[in-house]
Amino acid sequence: IFREPGNNKEDWATIICGDAAVGKNVWRRCDVTAHFPASFDLLNIAESIRVAFELDVALRFEVDNVPDLDWVRHVQSSW
């Protein structure tokens, strides 16, 4: 569910978790997996996310090397 943030940052957790979010900081830690081409500026993306979510510290991330394959064909070839 996507919603533009308002003044109340608790709205995010309430929308997604309903009553289960009451009184809880469900976003203290969150793991996100994203896939970008090698040409992307990951430091810039991480900084943009930090600014958008008003975080005090830089994001921690790690980079895995993923072979440049046509993944649809690669997976389908295993059928």
Protein backbone atom coordinates (compact mmCIF):
# COMPACT_ATOMS: atom_id res chain seq x y z
CA ILE A 1 0.00 0.00 0.00
CA PHE A 2 1.44 3.37 -0.97
CA ARG A 3 0.53 6.65 0.62
CA GLU A 4 2.21 10.02 0.62
CA PRO A 5 3.49 10.74 4.14
CA GLY A 6 1.68 13.38 6.15
CA ASN A 7 2.82 15.21 9.25
CA ASN A 8 2.26 12.14 11.40
CA LYS A 9 4.99 9.58 10.66
CA GLU A 10 3.04 6.92 12.59
CA ASP A 11 0.44 6.90 9.78
CA TRP A 12 2.72 4.71 7.66
CA ALA A 13 2.75 1.82 10.11
CA THR A 14 -0.94 2.18 10.85
CA ILE A 15 -1.94 1.94 7.19
CA ILE A 16 0.12 -1.15 6.54
CA CYS A 17 -0.28 -3.00 9.85
CA GLY A 18 -3.63 -1.73 11.13
CA ASP A 19 -4.20 -2.29 14.85
CA ALA A 20 -1.04 -4.40 15.09
CA ALA A 21 1.01 -1.18 14.74
CA VAL A 22 -0.55 0.63 17.69
CA GLY A 23 2.21 1.79 20.04
CA LYS A 24 4.94 -0.04 18.14
CA ASN A 25 7.84 1.21 16.08
CA VAL A 26 7.57 -1.42 13.35
CA TRP A 27 10.04 0.40 11.10
CA ARG A 28 13.04 0.50 13.44
CA ARG A 29 14.75 -2.05 11.20
CA CYS A 30 13.82 -2.99 7.67
CA ASP A 31 15.68 -5.05 5.08
CA VAL A 32 15.09 -4.10 1.46
CA THR A 33 16.35 -5.94 -1.60
CA ALA A 34 16.68 -3.95 -4.80
CA HIS A 35 18.25 -4.69 -8.16
CA PHE A 36 20.02 -2.00 -10.17
CA PRO A 37 22.26 -2.13 -13.23
CA ALA A 38 25.97 -1.85 -12.46
CA SER A 39 25.97 1.62 -14.01
CA PHE A 40 23.74 3.11 -11.26
CA ASP A 41 25.24 5.45 -8.68
CA LEU A 42 24.32 3.51 -5.53
CA LEU A 43 25.74 6.12 -3.16
CA ASN A 44 23.46 8.73 -4.72
CA ILE A 45 20.45 6.41 -4.48
CA ALA A 46 21.21 5.66 -0.82
CA GLU A 47 21.54 9.37 -0.07
CA SER A 48 18.24 10.11 -1.85
CA ILE A 49 16.51 7.48 0.30
CA ARG A 50 18.10 8.89 3.47
CA VAL A 51 16.84 12.38 2.63
CA ALA A 52 13.36 11.18 1.56
CA PHE A 53 12.85 9.27 4.83
CA GLU A 54 14.54 11.97 6.94
CA LEU A 55 17.09 9.52 8.37
CA ASP A 56 19.91 10.84 10.55
CA VAL A 57 22.50 8.33 9.38
CA ALA A 58 23.55 6.90 6.03
CA LEU A 59 22.04 3.62 4.90
CA ARG A 60 24.08 0.47 5.14
CA PHE A 61 24.09 -1.61 2.01
CA GLU A 62 26.05 -4.33 0.30
CA VAL A 63 26.57 -5.07 -3.35
CA ASP A 64 26.45 -8.53 -4.87
CA ASN A 65 27.75 -9.22 -8.34
CA VAL A 66 24.95 -10.74 -10.41
CA PRO A 67 25.83 -12.19 -13.81
CA ASP A 68 24.50 -10.22 -16.77
CA LEU A 69 22.08 -12.79 -18.17
CA ASP A 70 18.66 -12.80 -19.77
CA TRP A 71 17.14 -14.11 -16.55
CA VAL A 72 13.76 -14.96 -18.07
CA ARG A 73 15.41 -17.24 -20.63
CA HIS A 74 17.86 -18.57 -18.09
CA VAL A 75 15.10 -19.63 -15.71
CA GLN A 76 12.88 -20.94 -18.49
CA SER A 77 15.72 -23.09 -19.80
CA SER A 78 15.58 -25.08 -16.56
CA TRP A 79 12.03 -26.25 -17.30
